[in-house]
Amino acid sequence: MPYSEMMVAPMRAELSSIGFEELRTAEDVERFMENREGTALLVLNSVCGCAAGQARPGVRQALEGPVKPDRLGTVFAGQDVEATAQARSYFADIPPSSPSMALLKDGEVVYFVPRHRIESRSAEDVAADLTGAFQRYFGAPAPA
C-alpha cells in the first residue's frame, strides 16, 4: 500500500527541486528512456532511511561537481508502482532494489548503484561514488 502523497511530497521535492523529472507513469519512463542521446541519471527513490540519509543527499552532492548527466529522472518505488516496474524493465538483469541509481550513456546502463552500496555508507561516500562514475563514463567537463 503506498504511503500518503502528503508524506512523500517532500521526499519527491528533494530531487525535483534540483532538476529531476518525476516519472510517475510507465509512459513517462518510456519517454525518458527512449531519448537515447547523451547521458542520464535515473534514481529509484524510496521512503526508507537510507534514501533520506544517504541516497538523496549523495545525489545532490554529486550533481554539484563539474561533470554531470545531461538528463535527470526519478521514479518513486512503492508509490509509482507501474513507473517503477517499467524503469526496472530496462535493467532486468539487475536485482530490484530501492533506493538505487542507474547511469545511462546513449541509452545503455553503464553504471548501477544498488541499495546495498547505499545503505551502509555515508552520503559523502555515495556522492564520491557517483562523481567518479560521472567522470569515468561521461568524460571531463567542457572548458569554460
N, C-alpha and C. Protein backbone atom coordinates (compact mmCIF):
# COMPACT_ATOMS: atom_id res chain seq x y z
N MET A 1 0.84 -1.19 0.00
CA MET A 1 0.00 0.00 0.00
C MET A 1 0.88 1.25 0.00
N PRO A 2 0.69 2.13 -0.94
CA PRO A 2 1.51 3.35 -0.99
C PRO A 2 1.29 4.25 0.23
N TYR A 3 2.33 4.99 0.55
CA TYR A 3 2.23 5.98 1.62
C TYR A 3 1.40 7.16 1.14
N SER A 4 0.93 7.97 2.07
CA SER A 4 0.19 9.18 1.74
C SER A 4 1.06 10.09 0.88
N GLU A 5 0.46 10.65 -0.17
CA GLU A 5 1.20 11.57 -1.04
C GLU A 5 1.70 12.77 -0.25
N MET A 6 0.94 13.18 0.76
CA MET A 6 1.37 14.31 1.59
C MET A 6 2.69 13.99 2.31
N MET A 7 2.85 12.74 2.68
CA MET A 7 4.08 12.33 3.36
C MET A 7 5.27 12.25 2.39
N VAL A 8 5.05 11.76 1.18
CA VAL A 8 6.17 11.57 0.26
C VAL A 8 6.50 12.82 -0.57
N ALA A 9 5.59 13.80 -0.59
CA ALA A 9 5.82 15.01 -1.40
C ALA A 9 7.17 15.66 -1.09
N PRO A 10 7.56 15.83 0.19
CA PRO A 10 8.88 16.42 0.45
C PRO A 10 10.04 15.55 -0.03
N MET A 11 9.85 14.23 -0.02
CA MET A 11 10.89 13.32 -0.49
C MET A 11 11.03 13.41 -2.00
N ARG A 12 9.92 13.60 -2.69
CA ARG A 12 9.95 13.81 -4.14
C ARG A 12 10.64 15.13 -4.44
N ALA A 13 10.29 16.16 -3.66
CA ALA A 13 10.80 17.51 -3.90
C ALA A 13 12.31 17.60 -3.72
N GLU A 14 12.88 16.74 -2.89
CA GLU A 14 14.34 16.77 -2.72
C GLU A 14 15.06 16.59 -4.05
N LEU A 15 14.47 15.82 -4.95
CA LEU A 15 15.08 15.61 -6.26
C LEU A 15 14.48 16.53 -7.32
N SER A 16 13.17 16.70 -7.33
CA SER A 16 12.57 17.55 -8.37
C SER A 16 13.03 19.00 -8.24
N SER A 17 13.32 19.44 -7.02
CA SER A 17 13.76 20.83 -6.82
C SER A 17 15.16 21.09 -7.38
N ILE A 18 15.90 20.03 -7.69
CA ILE A 18 17.24 20.21 -8.27
C ILE A 18 17.29 19.76 -9.72
N GLY A 19 16.12 19.67 -10.34
CA GLY A 19 16.08 19.42 -11.78
C GLY A 19 15.70 18.03 -12.23
N PHE A 20 15.36 17.14 -11.31
CA PHE A 20 14.94 15.80 -11.71
C PHE A 20 13.52 15.84 -12.25
N GLU A 21 13.31 15.14 -13.36
CA GLU A 21 11.98 14.97 -13.91
C GLU A 21 11.33 13.81 -13.18
N GLU A 22 10.14 14.04 -12.63
CA GLU A 22 9.41 12.97 -11.97
C GLU A 22 8.73 12.11 -13.02
N LEU A 23 9.03 10.83 -12.99
CA LEU A 23 8.47 9.87 -13.93
C LEU A 23 7.44 9.06 -13.15
N ARG A 24 6.18 9.48 -13.24
CA ARG A 24 5.15 8.91 -12.38
C ARG A 24 4.32 7.83 -13.05
N THR A 25 4.46 7.68 -14.36
CA THR A 25 3.72 6.64 -15.09
C THR A 25 4.70 5.83 -15.94
N ALA A 26 4.24 4.69 -16.36
CA ALA A 26 5.06 3.85 -17.25
C ALA A 26 5.36 4.61 -18.54
N GLU A 27 4.41 5.39 -19.01
CA GLU A 27 4.61 6.17 -20.24
C GLU A 27 5.69 7.23 -20.03
N ASP A 28 5.71 7.87 -18.85
CA ASP A 28 6.76 8.85 -18.55
C ASP A 28 8.14 8.19 -18.63
N VAL A 29 8.24 6.99 -18.07
CA VAL A 29 9.51 6.26 -18.08
C VAL A 29 9.91 5.90 -19.51
N GLU A 30 8.96 5.42 -20.29
CA GLU A 30 9.26 5.06 -21.68
C GLU A 30 9.78 6.27 -22.45
N ARG A 31 9.12 7.41 -22.29
CA ARG A 31 9.54 8.63 -22.98
C ARG A 31 10.96 9.02 -22.56
N PHE A 32 11.24 8.96 -21.25
CA PHE A 32 12.57 9.30 -20.73
C PHE A 32 13.62 8.35 -21.30
N MET A 33 13.33 7.07 -21.30
CA MET A 33 14.30 6.06 -21.74
C MET A 33 14.45 6.02 -23.26
N GLU A 34 13.43 6.42 -24.00
CA GLU A 34 13.53 6.43 -25.46
C GLU A 34 14.48 7.50 -25.96
N ASN A 35 14.70 8.53 -25.17
CA ASN A 35 15.67 9.57 -25.53
C ASN A 35 17.05 9.00 -25.22
N ARG A 36 17.67 8.41 -26.21
CA ARG A 36 18.92 7.67 -26.01
C ARG A 36 20.15 8.53 -26.19
N GLU A 37 20.00 9.79 -26.56
CA GLU A 37 21.16 10.65 -26.78
C GLU A 37 21.73 11.16 -25.46
N GLY A 38 23.04 11.16 -25.39
CA GLY A 38 23.71 11.76 -24.24
C GLY A 38 23.68 10.90 -23.00
N THR A 39 23.70 11.57 -21.86
CA THR A 39 23.85 10.88 -20.58
C THR A 39 22.63 11.16 -19.69
N ALA A 40 22.37 10.24 -18.80
CA ALA A 40 21.22 10.38 -17.91
C ALA A 40 21.50 9.67 -16.59
N LEU A 41 20.84 10.16 -15.55
CA LEU A 41 20.83 9.52 -14.24
C LEU A 41 19.38 9.25 -13.89
N LEU A 42 19.08 8.00 -13.61
CA LEU A 42 17.74 7.60 -13.18
C LEU A 42 17.84 7.12 -11.73
N VAL A 43 17.13 7.80 -10.85
CA VAL A 43 17.14 7.46 -9.43
C VAL A 43 15.82 6.78 -9.07
N LEU A 44 15.91 5.61 -8.46
CA LEU A 44 14.74 4.95 -7.91
C LEU A 44 14.66 5.36 -6.45
N ASN A 45 13.80 6.31 -6.19
CA ASN A 45 13.65 6.92 -4.87
C ASN A 45 12.85 6.00 -3.95
N SER A 46 12.90 6.28 -2.66
CA SER A 46 12.24 5.43 -1.68
C SER A 46 11.98 6.22 -0.40
N VAL A 47 11.09 5.69 0.44
CA VAL A 47 10.81 6.33 1.73
C VAL A 47 11.77 5.87 2.83
N CYS A 48 12.61 4.92 2.56
CA CYS A 48 13.47 4.34 3.60
C CYS A 48 14.51 5.33 4.12
N GLY A 49 15.05 5.00 5.24
CA GLY A 49 16.06 5.87 5.88
C GLY A 49 17.31 6.06 5.05
N CYS A 50 17.74 5.03 4.32
CA CYS A 50 18.96 5.19 3.53
C CYS A 50 18.72 6.08 2.31
N ALA A 51 17.48 6.18 1.84
CA ALA A 51 17.18 7.14 0.77
C ALA A 51 17.28 8.56 1.32
N ALA A 52 16.76 8.74 2.53
CA ALA A 52 16.77 10.08 3.14
C ALA A 52 18.16 10.49 3.62
N GLY A 53 18.90 9.55 4.18
CA GLY A 53 20.18 9.89 4.79
C GLY A 53 21.39 9.79 3.88
N GLN A 54 21.31 8.90 2.89
CA GLN A 54 22.47 8.69 2.03
C GLN A 54 22.20 8.94 0.56
N ALA A 55 21.13 8.38 0.01
CA ALA A 55 20.91 8.43 -1.44
C ALA A 55 20.62 9.84 -1.93
N ARG A 56 19.54 10.44 -1.45
CA ARG A 56 19.19 11.77 -1.97
C ARG A 56 20.26 12.81 -1.66
N PRO A 57 20.80 12.86 -0.42
CA PRO A 57 21.89 13.82 -0.18
C PRO A 57 23.13 13.53 -1.03
N GLY A 58 23.44 12.25 -1.24
CA GLY A 58 24.60 11.90 -2.06
C GLY A 58 24.43 12.33 -3.50
N VAL A 59 23.23 12.16 -4.03
CA VAL A 59 22.94 12.59 -5.40
C VAL A 59 23.09 14.11 -5.50
N ARG A 60 22.52 14.81 -4.54
CA ARG A 60 22.61 16.29 -4.55
C ARG A 60 24.07 16.73 -4.56
N GLN A 61 24.89 16.12 -3.72
CA GLN A 61 26.31 16.49 -3.65
C GLN A 61 27.03 16.17 -4.97
N ALA A 62 26.76 15.01 -5.53
CA ALA A 62 27.42 14.61 -6.77
C ALA A 62 27.09 15.58 -7.92
N LEU A 63 25.88 16.09 -7.92
CA LEU A 63 25.48 17.00 -9.00
C LEU A 63 26.05 18.40 -8.85
N GLU A 64 26.74 18.67 -7.75
CA GLU A 64 27.42 19.95 -7.57
C GLU A 64 28.76 19.98 -8.30
N GLY A 65 29.24 18.83 -8.73
CA GLY A 65 30.54 18.73 -9.40
C GLY A 65 30.48 19.20 -10.84
N PRO A 66 31.63 19.28 -11.48
CA PRO A 66 31.71 19.80 -12.85
C PRO A 66 31.19 18.85 -13.93
N VAL A 67 31.18 17.54 -13.66
CA VAL A 67 30.70 16.56 -14.64
C VAL A 67 29.38 16.02 -14.11
N LYS A 68 28.36 16.13 -14.94
CA LYS A 68 27.04 15.63 -14.54
C LYS A 68 26.26 15.18 -15.76
N PRO A 69 25.24 14.39 -15.53
CA PRO A 69 24.43 13.89 -16.65
C PRO A 69 23.66 15.01 -17.34
N ASP A 70 23.32 14.75 -18.60
CA ASP A 70 22.51 15.69 -19.38
C ASP A 70 21.06 15.72 -18.88
N ARG A 71 20.56 14.55 -18.50
CA ARG A 71 19.15 14.44 -18.09
C ARG A 71 19.06 13.73 -16.75
N LEU A 72 18.05 14.12 -15.96
CA LEU A 72 17.83 13.55 -14.64
C LEU A 72 16.38 13.09 -14.55
N GLY A 73 16.18 11.85 -14.12
CA GLY A 73 14.83 11.33 -13.95
C GLY A 73 14.74 10.54 -12.67
N THR A 74 13.52 10.46 -12.12
CA THR A 74 13.32 9.70 -10.90
C THR A 74 11.94 9.06 -10.87
N VAL A 75 11.91 7.84 -10.37
CA VAL A 75 10.66 7.14 -10.07
C VAL A 75 10.66 6.88 -8.57
N PHE A 76 9.48 6.74 -8.01
CA PHE A 76 9.37 6.54 -6.56
C PHE A 76 8.85 5.13 -6.30
N ALA A 77 9.76 4.26 -5.89
CA ALA A 77 9.41 2.87 -5.60
C ALA A 77 8.39 2.82 -4.47
N GLY A 78 7.42 1.94 -4.61
CA GLY A 78 6.38 1.80 -3.60
C GLY A 78 5.27 2.83 -3.72
N GLN A 79 5.47 3.82 -4.55
CA GLN A 79 4.46 4.85 -4.78
C GLN A 79 3.94 4.77 -6.21
N ASP A 80 4.86 4.95 -7.15
CA ASP A 80 4.52 4.92 -8.56
C ASP A 80 4.89 3.53 -9.09
N VAL A 81 4.04 2.56 -8.76
CA VAL A 81 4.35 1.15 -8.95
C VAL A 81 4.59 0.81 -10.42
N GLU A 82 3.71 1.25 -11.32
CA GLU A 82 3.88 0.92 -12.74
C GLU A 82 5.12 1.60 -13.32
N ALA A 83 5.37 2.83 -12.91
CA ALA A 83 6.57 3.54 -13.41
C ALA A 83 7.83 2.83 -12.93
N THR A 84 7.83 2.40 -11.68
CA THR A 84 8.99 1.71 -11.13
C THR A 84 9.22 0.39 -11.86
N ALA A 85 8.17 -0.35 -12.10
CA ALA A 85 8.30 -1.62 -12.83
C ALA A 85 8.83 -1.37 -14.24
N GLN A 86 8.34 -0.33 -14.89
CA GLN A 86 8.81 -0.01 -16.23
C GLN A 86 10.29 0.36 -16.21
N ALA A 87 10.68 1.17 -15.24
CA ALA A 87 12.09 1.57 -15.13
C ALA A 87 12.97 0.33 -14.93
N ARG A 88 12.56 -0.54 -14.03
CA ARG A 88 13.35 -1.74 -13.75
C ARG A 88 13.43 -2.67 -14.95
N SER A 89 12.46 -2.60 -15.85
CA SER A 89 12.50 -3.47 -17.03
C SER A 89 13.67 -3.13 -17.95
N TYR A 90 14.21 -1.93 -17.82
CA TYR A 90 15.34 -1.53 -18.66
C TYR A 90 16.67 -2.07 -18.14
N PHE A 91 16.66 -2.57 -16.92
CA PHE A 91 17.86 -3.24 -16.37
C PHE A 91 17.41 -4.47 -15.60
N ALA A 92 16.66 -5.32 -16.30
CA ALA A 92 16.05 -6.51 -15.71
C ALA A 92 17.06 -7.52 -15.19
N ASP A 93 18.29 -7.46 -15.69
CA ASP A 93 19.31 -8.41 -15.23
C ASP A 93 19.90 -8.03 -13.87
N ILE A 94 19.50 -6.86 -13.36
CA ILE A 94 19.98 -6.40 -12.05
C ILE A 94 18.84 -6.59 -11.05
N PRO A 95 19.08 -7.28 -9.93
CA PRO A 95 18.01 -7.49 -8.96
C PRO A 95 17.41 -6.16 -8.49
N PRO A 96 16.07 -6.10 -8.37
CA PRO A 96 15.43 -4.86 -7.96
C PRO A 96 15.83 -4.45 -6.55
N SER A 97 16.09 -3.16 -6.40
CA SER A 97 16.37 -2.61 -5.07
C SER A 97 16.04 -1.13 -5.09
N SER A 98 15.65 -0.65 -3.94
CA SER A 98 15.40 0.79 -3.83
C SER A 98 15.80 1.23 -2.42
N PRO A 99 16.46 2.36 -2.35
CA PRO A 99 16.82 3.20 -3.48
C PRO A 99 17.92 2.55 -4.32
N SER A 100 18.02 3.04 -5.54
CA SER A 100 19.11 2.64 -6.42
C SER A 100 19.24 3.70 -7.50
N MET A 101 20.31 3.61 -8.28
CA MET A 101 20.59 4.62 -9.30
C MET A 101 21.21 3.95 -10.51
N ALA A 102 20.76 4.39 -11.68
CA ALA A 102 21.32 3.90 -12.94
C ALA A 102 21.87 5.06 -13.73
N LEU A 103 23.12 4.93 -14.17
CA LEU A 103 23.72 5.91 -15.07
C LEU A 103 23.60 5.34 -16.48
N LEU A 104 23.14 6.16 -17.40
CA LEU A 104 22.96 5.73 -18.78
C LEU A 104 23.75 6.62 -19.72
N LYS A 105 24.32 6.00 -20.71
CA LYS A 105 25.02 6.73 -21.76
C LYS A 105 24.49 6.21 -23.08
N ASP A 106 23.95 7.11 -23.87
CA ASP A 106 23.34 6.76 -25.15
C ASP A 106 22.34 5.60 -24.99
N GLY A 107 21.57 5.67 -23.92
CA GLY A 107 20.50 4.71 -23.68
C GLY A 107 20.90 3.41 -23.03
N GLU A 108 22.18 3.21 -22.79
CA GLU A 108 22.66 1.96 -22.18
C GLU A 108 23.07 2.20 -20.73
N VAL A 109 22.71 1.27 -19.85
CA VAL A 109 23.14 1.37 -18.46
C VAL A 109 24.64 1.09 -18.41
N VAL A 110 25.41 2.07 -17.93
CA VAL A 110 26.86 1.89 -17.85
C VAL A 110 27.33 1.74 -16.40
N TYR A 111 26.47 2.07 -15.46
CA TYR A 111 26.86 2.01 -14.05
C TYR A 111 25.59 1.93 -13.23
N PHE A 112 25.62 1.11 -12.19
CA PHE A 112 24.42 0.94 -11.35
C PHE A 112 24.83 0.92 -9.89
N VAL A 113 24.09 1.65 -9.08
CA VAL A 113 24.33 1.68 -7.64
C VAL A 113 23.11 1.07 -6.95
N PRO A 114 23.23 -0.18 -6.48
CA PRO A 114 22.11 -0.82 -5.79
C PRO A 114 22.05 -0.39 -4.31
N ARG A 115 20.96 -0.73 -3.69
CA ARG A 115 20.73 -0.37 -2.29
C ARG A 115 21.89 -0.77 -1.37
N HIS A 116 22.43 -1.96 -1.57
CA HIS A 116 23.48 -2.41 -0.63
C HIS A 116 24.74 -1.55 -0.71
N ARG A 117 24.90 -0.74 -1.79
CA ARG A 117 26.04 0.17 -1.88
C ARG A 117 25.66 1.58 -1.44
N ILE A 118 24.46 1.70 -0.88
CA ILE A 118 23.98 2.98 -0.35
C ILE A 118 23.78 2.89 1.15
N GLU A 119 23.06 1.86 1.61
CA GLU A 119 22.57 1.81 2.99
C GLU A 119 23.66 1.75 4.06
N SER A 120 24.80 1.22 3.77
CA SER A 120 25.83 1.10 4.81
C SER A 120 26.94 2.14 4.66
N ARG A 121 26.68 3.17 3.84
CA ARG A 121 27.71 4.17 3.57
C ARG A 121 27.18 5.56 3.90
N SER A 122 28.05 6.53 3.88
CA SER A 122 27.64 7.92 4.13
C SER A 122 27.19 8.58 2.82
N ALA A 123 26.49 9.70 2.95
CA ALA A 123 26.09 10.47 1.77
C ALA A 123 27.32 10.90 0.99
N GLU A 124 28.39 11.23 1.70
CA GLU A 124 29.64 11.64 1.05
C GLU A 124 30.23 10.51 0.23
N ASP A 125 30.15 9.28 0.77
CA ASP A 125 30.65 8.12 0.03
C ASP A 125 29.83 7.87 -1.23
N VAL A 126 28.50 8.00 -1.12
CA VAL A 126 27.63 7.83 -2.28
C VAL A 126 27.94 8.90 -3.31
N ALA A 127 28.12 10.13 -2.87
CA ALA A 127 28.46 11.24 -3.78
C ALA A 127 29.79 10.98 -4.48
N ALA A 128 30.78 10.51 -3.74
CA ALA A 128 32.09 10.23 -4.33
C ALA A 128 31.99 9.12 -5.37
N ASP A 129 31.19 8.10 -5.06
CA ASP A 129 30.96 7.01 -6.00
C ASP A 129 30.35 7.54 -7.30
N LEU A 130 29.31 8.34 -7.17
CA LEU A 130 28.64 8.89 -8.35
C LEU A 130 29.55 9.85 -9.12
N THR A 131 30.26 10.71 -8.40
CA THR A 131 31.16 11.66 -9.04
C THR A 131 32.22 10.93 -9.86
N GLY A 132 32.79 9.88 -9.29
CA GLY A 132 33.78 9.08 -10.01
C GLY A 132 33.18 8.42 -11.25
N ALA A 133 31.95 7.93 -11.11
CA ALA A 133 31.28 7.31 -12.26
C ALA A 133 30.96 8.35 -13.33
N PHE A 134 30.53 9.54 -12.92
CA PHE A 134 30.26 10.60 -13.91
C PHE A 134 31.53 10.88 -14.70
N GLN A 135 32.65 11.01 -14.01
CA GLN A 135 33.91 11.32 -14.69
C GLN A 135 34.34 10.17 -15.58
N ARG A 136 34.20 8.95 -15.10
CA ARG A 136 34.64 7.79 -15.87
C ARG A 136 33.80 7.57 -17.12
N TYR A 137 32.48 7.68 -16.98
CA TYR A 137 31.61 7.33 -18.09
C TYR A 137 31.12 8.52 -18.91
N PHE A 138 31.13 9.71 -18.32
CA PHE A 138 30.60 10.88 -19.01
C PHE A 138 31.70 11.82 -19.49
N GLY A 139 32.92 11.59 -19.06
CA GLY A 139 34.06 12.39 -19.55
C GLY A 139 34.31 13.65 -18.75
N ALA A 140 35.34 14.32 -19.16
CA ALA A 140 35.78 15.55 -18.48
C ALA A 140 34.80 16.68 -18.80
N PRO A 141 34.69 17.64 -17.90
CA PRO A 141 33.79 18.78 -18.18
C PRO A 141 34.30 19.60 -19.35
N ALA A 142 33.37 20.23 -20.02
CA ALA A 142 33.74 21.11 -21.14
C ALA A 142 34.49 22.33 -20.61
N PRO A 143 35.48 22.82 -21.35
CA PRO A 143 36.21 24.01 -20.90
C PRO A 143 35.27 25.20 -20.77
N ALA A 144 35.53 26.03 -19.79
CA ALA A 144 34.67 27.20 -19.55
C ALA A 144 34.91 28.30 -20.55
